């Protein structure tokens, strides 16, 4: 179920990012897409921070490496926060 949530989140962010880049005519649609991207970017950033903090705390004496979920959250954060800022 966790993979499904992450996959759907990533899909929504990618679709909203693409639509934000190509739809600039209607200001209402554009602002709704930007809002979706900002909210999903913030949620992804919180998920990324949670994963990083949990990974660092649980592996005190081991070499910690980010897992796939952390990398997906990082990608979602970039797509959700950077693209709306560039397109605004």
PDB file of N, CA and C in Angstrom:
ATOM      1  N   UNK A   1       0.823  -1.198   0.000  1.00  0.00           N
ATOM      2  CA  UNK A   1       0.000   0.000   0.000  1.00  0.00           C
ATOM      3  C   UNK A   1       0.866   1.261   0.000  1.00  0.00           C
ATOM      4  N   UNK A   2       2.011   1.193   0.696  1.00  0.00           N
ATOM      5  CA  UNK A   2       2.899   2.350   0.758  1.00  0.00           C
ATOM      6  C   UNK A   2       3.441   2.693  -0.632  1.00  0.00           C
ATOM      7  N   UNK A   3       3.795   1.660  -1.420  1.00  0.00           N
ATOM      8  CA  UNK A   3       4.302   1.901  -2.767  1.00  0.00           C
ATOM      9  C   UNK A   3       3.221   2.513  -3.649  1.00  0.00           C
ATOM     10  N   UNK A   4       1.979   2.096  -3.433  1.00  0.00           N
ATOM     11  CA  UNK A   4       0.880   2.644  -4.216  1.00  0.00           C
ATOM     12  C   UNK A   4       0.682   4.125  -3.919  1.00  0.00           C
ATOM     13  N   UNK A   5       0.751   4.494  -2.643  1.00  0.00           N
ATOM     14  CA  UNK A   5       0.607   5.907  -2.267  1.00  0.00           C
ATOM     15  C   UNK A   5       1.726   6.749  -2.865  1.00  0.00           C
ATOM     16  N   UNK A   6       2.942   6.244  -2.774  1.00  0.00           N
ATOM     17  CA  UNK A   6       4.085   6.986  -3.306  1.00  0.00           C
ATOM     18  C   UNK A   6       3.978   7.117  -4.822  1.00  0.00           C
ATOM     19  N   UNK A   7       3.582   6.036  -5.480  1.00  0.00           N
ATOM     20  CA  UNK A   7       3.429   6.074  -6.929  1.00  0.00           C
ATOM     21  C   UNK A   7       2.350   7.040  -7.374  1.00  0.00           C
ATOM     22  N   UNK A   8       1.221   7.031  -6.677  1.00  0.00           N
ATOM     23  CA  UNK A   8       0.141   7.958  -7.021  1.00  0.00           C
ATOM     24  C   UNK A   8       0.540   9.406  -6.760  1.00  0.00           C
ATOM     25  N   UNK A   9       1.243   9.635  -5.657  1.00  0.00           N
ATOM     26  CA  UNK A   9       1.718  10.988  -5.360  1.00  0.00           C
ATOM     27  C   UNK A   9       2.660  11.482  -6.447  1.00  0.00           C
ATOM     28  N   UNK A  10       3.579  10.628  -6.841  1.00  0.00           N
ATOM     29  CA  UNK A  10       4.528  10.997  -7.894  1.00  0.00           C
ATOM     30  C   UNK A  10       3.811  11.252  -9.215  1.00  0.00           C
ATOM     31  N   UNK A  11       2.825  10.422  -9.534  1.00  0.00           N
ATOM     32  CA  UNK A  11       2.073  10.592 -10.770  1.00  0.00           C
ATOM     33  C   UNK A  11       1.299  11.909 -10.782  1.00  0.00           C
ATOM     34  N   UNK A  12       0.649  12.230  -9.672  1.00  0.00           N
ATOM     35  CA  UNK A  12      -0.098  13.489  -9.583  1.00  0.00           C
ATOM     36  C   UNK A  12       0.839  14.680  -9.727  1.00  0.00           C
ATOM     37  N   UNK A  13       1.997  14.608  -9.082  1.00  0.00           N
ATOM     38  CA  UNK A  13       2.942  15.720  -9.155  1.00  0.00           C
ATOM     39  C   UNK A  13       3.489  15.889 -10.568  1.00  0.00           C
ATOM     40  N   UNK A  14       3.800  14.788 -11.232  1.00  0.00           N
ATOM     41  CA  UNK A  14       4.337  14.884 -12.590  1.00  0.00           C
ATOM     42  C   UNK A  14       3.285  15.435 -13.546  1.00  0.00           C
ATOM     43  N   UNK A  15       2.047  14.943 -13.438  1.00  0.00           N
ATOM     44  CA  UNK A  15       0.986  15.441 -14.317  1.00  0.00           C
ATOM     45  C   UNK A  15       0.719  16.923 -14.052  1.00  0.00           C
ATOM     46  N   UNK A  16       0.646  17.299 -12.782  1.00  0.00           N
ATOM     47  CA  UNK A  16       0.412  18.709 -12.456  1.00  0.00           C
ATOM     48  C   UNK A  16       1.576  19.581 -12.912  1.00  0.00           C
ATOM     49  N   UNK A  17       2.802  19.064 -12.824  1.00  0.00           N
ATOM     50  CA  UNK A  17       3.967  19.825 -13.291  1.00  0.00           C
ATOM     51  C   UNK A  17       3.904  20.055 -14.791  1.00  0.00           C
ATOM     52  N   UNK A  18       3.579  19.006 -15.525  1.00  0.00           N
ATOM     53  CA  UNK A  18       3.493  19.134 -16.982  1.00  0.00           C
ATOM     54  C   UNK A  18       2.378  20.101 -17.364  1.00  0.00           C
ATOM     55  N   UNK A  19       1.226  19.975 -16.705  1.00  0.00           N
ATOM     56  CA  UNK A  19       0.120  20.880 -17.007  1.00  0.00           C
ATOM     57  C   UNK A  19       0.462  22.322 -16.636  1.00  0.00           C
ATOM     58  N   UNK A  20       1.184  22.503 -15.539  1.00  0.00           N
ATOM     59  CA  UNK A  20       1.570  23.852 -15.129  1.00  0.00           C
ATOM     60  C   UNK A  20       2.493  24.495 -16.156  1.00  0.00           C
ATOM     61  N   UNK A  21       3.373  23.698 -16.728  1.00  0.00           N
ATOM     62  CA  UNK A  21       4.301  24.234 -17.722  1.00  0.00           C
ATOM     63  C   UNK A  21       3.559  24.627 -19.006  1.00  0.00           C
ATOM     64  N   UNK A  22       2.587  23.801 -19.422  1.00  0.00           N
ATOM     65  CA  UNK A  22       1.944  24.031 -20.715  1.00  0.00           C
ATOM     66  C   UNK A  22       0.677  24.877 -20.653  1.00  0.00           C
ATOM     67  N   UNK A  23       0.011  24.941 -19.501  1.00  0.00           N
ATOM     68  CA  UNK A  23      -1.223  25.726 -19.406  1.00  0.00           C
ATOM     69  C   UNK A  23      -0.913  27.020 -18.674  1.00  0.00           C
ATOM     70  N   UNK A  24      -0.840  28.098 -19.401  1.00  0.00           N
ATOM     71  CA  UNK A  24      -0.643  29.403 -18.769  1.00  0.00           C
ATOM     72  C   UNK A  24      -1.732  30.388 -19.185  1.00  0.00           C
ATOM     73  N   UNK A  25      -2.715  29.918 -19.956  1.00  0.00           N
ATOM     74  CA  UNK A  25      -3.764  30.810 -20.445  1.00  0.00           C
ATOM     75  C   UNK A  25      -4.788  31.131 -19.366  1.00  0.00           C
ATOM     76  N   UNK A  26      -5.330  30.111 -18.741  1.00  0.00           N
ATOM     77  CA  UNK A  26      -6.379  30.309 -17.746  1.00  0.00           C
ATOM     78  C   UNK A  26      -5.755  30.492 -16.370  1.00  0.00           C
ATOM     79  N   UNK A  27      -5.944  31.659 -15.794  1.00  0.00           N
ATOM     80  CA  UNK A  27      -5.292  31.945 -14.515  1.00  0.00           C
ATOM     81  C   UNK A  27      -5.872  31.112 -13.381  1.00  0.00           C
ATOM     82  N   UNK A  28      -7.170  30.780 -13.452  1.00  0.00           N
ATOM     83  CA  UNK A  28      -7.779  29.977 -12.388  1.00  0.00           C
ATOM     84  C   UNK A  28      -7.213  28.552 -12.392  1.00  0.00           C
ATOM     85  N   UNK A  29      -7.126  27.939 -13.584  1.00  0.00           N
ATOM     86  CA  UNK A  29      -6.560  26.588 -13.686  1.00  0.00           C
ATOM     87  C   UNK A  29      -5.099  26.609 -13.268  1.00  0.00           C
ATOM     88  N   UNK A  30      -4.382  27.632 -13.694  1.00  0.00           N
ATOM     89  CA  UNK A  30      -2.962  27.748 -13.367  1.00  0.00           C
ATOM     90  C   UNK A  30      -2.752  27.863 -11.863  1.00  0.00           C
ATOM     91  N   UNK A  31      -3.558  28.661 -11.183  1.00  0.00           N
ATOM     92  CA  UNK A  31      -3.386  28.820  -9.739  1.00  0.00           C
ATOM     93  C   UNK A  31      -3.790  27.561  -8.987  1.00  0.00           C
ATOM     94  N   UNK A  32      -4.792  26.832  -9.471  1.00  0.00           N
ATOM     95  CA  UNK A  32      -5.174  25.569  -8.828  1.00  0.00           C
ATOM     96  C   UNK A  32      -4.051  24.549  -8.975  1.00  0.00           C
ATOM     97  N   UNK A  33      -3.457  24.458 -10.165  1.00  0.00           N
ATOM     98  CA  UNK A  33      -2.344  23.523 -10.367  1.00  0.00           C
ATOM     99  C   UNK A  33      -1.147  23.904  -9.500  1.00  0.00           C
ATOM    100  N   UNK A  34      -0.857  25.188  -9.400  1.00  0.00           N
ATOM    101  CA  UNK A  34       0.244  25.615  -8.539  1.00  0.00           C
ATOM    102  C   UNK A  34      -0.032  25.278  -7.083  1.00  0.00           C
ATOM    103  N   UNK A  35      -1.273  25.429  -6.646  1.00  0.00           N
ATOM    104  CA  UNK A  35      -1.628  25.077  -5.275  1.00  0.00           C
ATOM    105  C   UNK A  35      -1.445  23.586  -5.031  1.00  0.00           C
ATOM    106  N   UNK A  36      -1.875  22.759  -5.989  1.00  0.00           N
ATOM    107  CA  UNK A  36      -1.687  21.309  -5.862  1.00  0.00           C
ATOM    108  C   UNK A  36      -0.204  20.982  -5.765  1.00  0.00           C
ATOM    109  N   UNK A  37       0.604  21.614  -6.602  1.00  0.00           N
ATOM    110  CA  UNK A  37       2.041  21.342  -6.584  1.00  0.00           C
ATOM    111  C   UNK A  37       2.686  21.797  -5.284  1.00  0.00           C
ATOM    112  N   UNK A  38       2.314  22.977  -4.797  1.00  0.00           N
ATOM    113  CA  UNK A  38       2.899  23.457  -3.548  1.00  0.00           C
ATOM    114  C   UNK A  38       2.544  22.541  -2.382  1.00  0.00           C
ATOM    115  N   UNK A  39       1.275  22.152  -2.287  1.00  0.00           N
ATOM    116  CA  UNK A  39       0.849  21.284  -1.179  1.00  0.00           C
ATOM    117  C   UNK A  39       1.550  19.936  -1.258  1.00  0.00           C
ATOM    118  N   UNK A  40       1.602  19.344  -2.453  1.00  0.00           N
ATOM    119  CA  UNK A  40       2.271  18.049  -2.573  1.00  0.00           C
ATOM    120  C   UNK A  40       3.771  18.181  -2.357  1.00  0.00           C
ATOM    121  N   UNK A  41       4.348  19.301  -2.751  1.00  0.00           N
ATOM    122  CA  UNK A  41       5.771  19.515  -2.495  1.00  0.00           C
ATOM    123  C   UNK A  41       6.076  19.636  -1.021  1.00  0.00           C
ATOM    124  N   UNK A  42       5.218  20.337  -0.287  1.00  0.00           N
ATOM    125  CA  UNK A  42       5.421  20.471   1.159  1.00  0.00           C
ATOM    126  C   UNK A  42       5.239  19.128   1.851  1.00  0.00           C
ATOM    127  N   UNK A  43       4.207  18.371   1.450  1.00  0.00           N
ATOM    128  CA  UNK A  43       3.987  17.045   2.037  1.00  0.00           C
ATOM    129  C   UNK A  43       5.170  16.129   1.738  1.00  0.00           C
ATOM    130  N   UNK A  44       5.675  16.175   0.512  1.00  0.00           N
ATOM    131  CA  UNK A  44       6.836  15.361   0.155  1.00  0.00           C
ATOM    132  C   UNK A  44       8.073  15.786   0.931  1.00  0.00           C
ATOM    133  N   UNK A  45       8.226  17.082   1.161  1.00  0.00           N
ATOM    134  CA  UNK A  45       9.366  17.567   1.933  1.00  0.00           C
ATOM    135  C   UNK A  45       9.296  17.068   3.370  1.00  0.00           C
ATOM    136  N   UNK A  46       8.093  17.065   3.951  1.00  0.00           N
ATOM    137  CA  UNK A  46       7.925  16.535   5.308  1.00  0.00           C
ATOM    138  C   UNK A  46       8.240  15.045   5.328  1.00  0.00           C
ATOM    139  N   UNK A  47       7.781  14.307   4.311  1.00  0.00           N
ATOM    140  CA  UNK A  47       8.103  12.881   4.222  1.00  0.00           C
ATOM    141  C   UNK A  47       9.593  12.643   4.069  1.00  0.00           C
ATOM    142  N   UNK A  48      10.251  13.491   3.286  1.00  0.00           N
ATOM    143  CA  UNK A  48      11.698  13.379   3.107  1.00  0.00           C
ATOM    144  C   UNK A  48      12.430  13.630   4.415  1.00  0.00           C
ATOM    145  N   UNK A  49      12.053  14.680   5.122  1.00  0.00           N
ATOM    146  CA  UNK A  49      12.690  14.966   6.410  1.00  0.00           C
ATOM    147  C   UNK A  49      12.456  13.841   7.413  1.00  0.00           C
ATOM    148  N   UNK A  50      11.239  13.302   7.436  1.00  0.00           N
ATOM    149  CA  UNK A  50      10.935  12.204   8.356  1.00  0.00           C
ATOM    150  C   UNK A  50      11.810  10.994   8.060  1.00  0.00           C
ATOM    151  N   UNK A  51      11.938  10.649   6.766  1.00  0.00           N
ATOM    152  CA  UNK A  51      12.772   9.508   6.397  1.00  0.00           C
ATOM    153  C   UNK A  51      14.236   9.730   6.715  1.00  0.00           C
ATOM    154  N   UNK A  52      14.728  10.929   6.473  1.00  0.00           N
ATOM    155  CA  UNK A  52      16.134  11.218   6.752  1.00  0.00           C
ATOM    156  C   UNK A  52      16.426  11.193   8.246  1.00  0.00           C
ATOM    157  N   UNK A  53      15.547  11.818   9.023  1.00  0.00           N
ATOM    158  CA  UNK A  53      15.757  11.836  10.474  1.00  0.00           C
ATOM    159  C   UNK A  53      15.657  10.431  11.043  1.00  0.00           C
ATOM    160  N   UNK A  54      14.660   9.661  10.592  1.00  0.00           N
ATOM    161  CA  UNK A  54      14.505   8.292  11.078  1.00  0.00           C
ATOM    162  C   UNK A  54      15.711   7.437  10.695  1.00  0.00           C
ATOM    163  N   UNK A  55      16.207   7.624   9.471  1.00  0.00           N
ATOM    164  CA  UNK A  55      17.362   6.855   9.031  1.00  0.00           C
ATOM    165  C   UNK A  55      18.624   7.209   9.789  1.00  0.00           C
ATOM    166  N   UNK A  56      18.812   8.471  10.088  1.00  0.00           N
ATOM    167  CA  UNK A  56      20.008   8.891  10.818  1.00  0.00           C
ATOM    168  C   UNK A  56      19.942   8.447  12.272  1.00  0.00           C
ATOM    169  N   UNK A  57      18.765   8.521  12.878  1.00  0.00           N
ATOM    170  CA  UNK A  57      18.627   8.133  14.283  1.00  0.00           C
ATOM    171  C   UNK A  57      18.789   6.631  14.458  1.00  0.00           C
ATOM    172  N   UNK A  58      18.217   5.831  13.550  1.00  0.00           N
ATOM    173  CA  UNK A  58      18.248   4.380  13.737  1.00  0.00           C
ATOM    174  C   UNK A  58      19.604   3.774  13.409  1.00  0.00           C
ATOM    175  N   UNK A  59      20.420   4.439  12.644  1.00  0.00           N
ATOM    176  CA  UNK A  59      21.719   3.860  12.282  1.00  0.00           C
ATOM    177  C   UNK A  59      22.846   4.731  12.835  1.00  0.00           C
ATOM    178  N   UNK A  60      23.026   4.651  14.137  1.00  0.00           N
ATOM    179  CA  UNK A  60      24.037   5.500  14.771  1.00  0.00           C
ATOM    180  C   UNK A  60      25.456   5.086  14.407  1.00  0.00           C
ATOM    181  N   UNK A  61      25.710   3.774  14.343  1.00  0.00           N
ATOM    182  CA  UNK A  61      27.078   3.307  14.104  1.00  0.00           C
ATOM    183  C   UNK A  61      27.241   2.686  12.725  1.00  0.00           C
ATOM    184  N   UNK A  62      26.261   2.814  11.877  1.00  0.00           N
ATOM    185  CA  UNK A  62      26.337   2.234  10.547  1.00  0.00           C
ATOM    186  C   UNK A  62      26.408   3.348   9.509  1.00  0.00           C
ATOM    187  N   UNK A  63      26.858   2.999   8.324  1.00  0.00           N
ATOM    188  CA  UNK A  63      26.823   3.952   7.220  1.00  0.00           C
ATOM    189  C   UNK A  63      25.406   3.989   6.680  1.00  0.00           C
ATOM    190  N   UNK A  64      24.749   5.121   6.836  1.00  0.00           N
ATOM    191  CA  UNK A  64      23.360   5.230   6.406  1.00  0.00           C
ATOM    192  C   UNK A  64      23.292   5.718   4.974  1.00  0.00           C
ATOM    193  N   UNK A  65      22.442   5.069   4.191  1.00  0.00           N
ATOM    194  CA  UNK A  65      22.208   5.492   2.817  1.00  0.00           C
ATOM    195  C   UNK A  65      20.709   5.679   2.627  1.00  0.00           C
ATOM    196  N   UNK A  66      20.310   6.674   1.872  1.00  0.00           N
ATOM    197  CA  UNK A  66      18.873   6.866   1.649  1.00  0.00           C
ATOM    198  C   UNK A  66      18.289   5.721   0.829  1.00  0.00           C
ATOM    199  N   UNK A  67      17.063   5.341   1.161  1.00  0.00           N
ATOM    200  CA  UNK A  67      16.412   4.289   0.388  1.00  0.00           C
ATOM    201  C   UNK A  67      15.614   4.901  -0.759  1.00  0.00           C
ATOM    202  N   UNK A  68      14.942   4.068  -1.497  1.00  0.00           N
ATOM    203  CA  UNK A  68      14.210   4.524  -2.677  1.00  0.00           C
ATOM    204  C   UNK A  68      13.091   5.500  -2.309  1.00  0.00           C
ATOM    205  N   UNK A  69      12.431   5.264  -1.190  1.00  0.00           N
ATOM    206  CA  UNK A  69      11.349   6.156  -0.770  1.00  0.00           C
ATOM    207  C   UNK A  69      11.873   7.565  -0.522  1.00  0.00           C
ATOM    208  N   UNK A  70      13.025   7.673   0.131  1.00  0.00           N
ATOM    209  CA  UNK A  70      13.610   8.992   0.383  1.00  0.00           C
ATOM    210  C   UNK A  70      13.952   9.709  -0.922  1.00  0.00           C
ATOM    211  N   UNK A  71      14.452   8.960  -1.892  1.00  0.00           N
ATOM    212  CA  UNK A  71      14.801   9.574  -3.174  1.00  0.00           C
ATOM    213  C   UNK A  71      13.557  10.018  -3.941  1.00  0.00           C
ATOM    214  N   UNK A  72      12.479   9.227  -3.853  1.00  0.00           N
ATOM    215  CA  UNK A  72      11.229   9.618  -4.509  1.00  0.00           C
ATOM    216  C   UNK A  72      10.655  10.860  -3.850  1.00  0.00           C
ATOM    217  N   UNK A  73      10.710  10.917  -2.504  1.00  0.00           N
ATOM    218  CA  UNK A  73      10.234  12.111  -1.809  1.00  0.00           C
ATOM    219  C   UNK A  73      11.067  13.331  -2.195  1.00  0.00           C
ATOM    220  N   UNK A  74      12.372  13.141  -2.390  1.00  0.00           N
ATOM    221  CA  UNK A  74      13.221  14.259  -2.809  1.00  0.00           C
ATOM    222  C   UNK A  74      12.824  14.746  -4.205  1.00  0.00           C
ATOM    223  N   UNK A  75      12.558  13.808  -5.105  1.00  0.00           N
ATOM    224  CA  UNK A  75      12.120  14.177  -6.451  1.00  0.00           C
ATOM    225  C   UNK A  75      10.778  14.905  -6.411  1.00  0.00           C
ATOM    226  N   UNK A  76       9.842  14.394  -5.602  1.00  0.00           N
ATOM    227  CA  UNK A  76       8.534  15.045  -5.474  1.00  0.00           C
ATOM    228  C   UNK A  76       8.677  16.441  -4.881  1.00  0.00           C
ATOM    229  N   UNK A  77       9.606  16.603  -3.947  1.00  0.00           N
ATOM    230  CA  UNK A  77       9.827  17.919  -3.349  1.00  0.00           C
ATOM    231  C   UNK A  77      10.331  18.903  -4.396  1.00  0.00           C
ATOM    232  N   UNK A  78      11.281  18.462  -5.208  1.00  0.00           N
ATOM    233  CA  UNK A  78      11.818  19.341  -6.247  1.00  0.00           C
ATOM    234  C   UNK A  78      10.734  19.704  -7.252  1.00  0.00           C
ATOM    235  N   UNK A  79       9.978  18.689  -7.699  1.00  0.00           N
ATOM    236  CA  UNK A  79       8.929  18.963  -8.680  1.00  0.00           C
ATOM    237  C   UNK A  79       7.823  19.828  -8.099  1.00  0.00           C
ATOM    238  N   UNK A  80       7.501  19.605  -6.828  1.00  0.00           N
ATOM    239  CA  UNK A  80       6.383  20.315  -6.230  1.00  0.00           C
ATOM    240  C   UNK A  80       6.694  21.724  -5.779  1.00  0.00           C
ATOM    241  N   UNK A  81       7.949  22.021  -5.514  1.00  0.00           N
ATOM    242  CA  UNK A  81       8.283  23.355  -5.013  1.00  0.00           C
ATOM    243  C   UNK A  81       9.045  24.216  -6.017  1.00  0.00           C
ATOM    244  N   UNK A  82       9.898  23.616  -6.815  1.00  0.00           N
ATOM    245  CA  UNK A  82      10.732  24.390  -7.731  1.00  0.00           C
ATOM    246  C   UNK A  82       9.981  24.770  -9.007  1.00  0.00           C
ATOM    247  N   UNK A  83       9.271  23.825  -9.602  1.00  0.00           N
ATOM    248  CA  UNK A  83       8.590  24.098 -10.870  1.00  0.00           C
ATOM    249  C   UNK A  83       7.540  25.205 -10.748  1.00  0.00           C
ATOM    250  N   UNK A  84       6.676  25.203  -9.704  1.00  0.00           N
ATOM    251  CA  UNK A  84       5.736  26.330  -9.607  1.00  0.00           C
ATOM    252  C   UNK A  84       6.437  27.669  -9.395  1.00  0.00           C
ATOM    253  N   UNK A  85       7.550  27.644  -8.678  1.00  0.00           N
ATOM    254  CA  UNK A  85       8.282  28.893  -8.455  1.00  0.00           C
ATOM    255  C   UNK A  85       8.881  29.409  -9.764  1.00  0.00           C
ATOM    256  N   UNK A  86       9.351  28.511 -10.606  1.00  0.00           N
ATOM    257  CA  UNK A  86       9.927  28.926 -11.882  1.00  0.00           C
ATOM    258  C   UNK A  86       8.862  29.368 -12.879  1.00  0.00           C
ATOM    259  N   UNK A  87       7.688  28.747 -12.802  1.00  0.00           N
ATOM    260  CA  UNK A  87       6.658  29.065 -13.789  1.00  0.00           C
ATOM    261  C   UNK A  87       5.801  30.258 -13.393  1.00  0.00           C
ATOM    262  N   UNK A  88       5.931  30.724 -12.157  1.00  0.00           N
ATOM    263  CA  UNK A  88       5.094  31.848 -11.704  1.00  0.00           C
ATOM    264  C   UNK A  88       5.606  33.171 -12.228  1.00  0.00           C
TER     265      UNK A  88
END
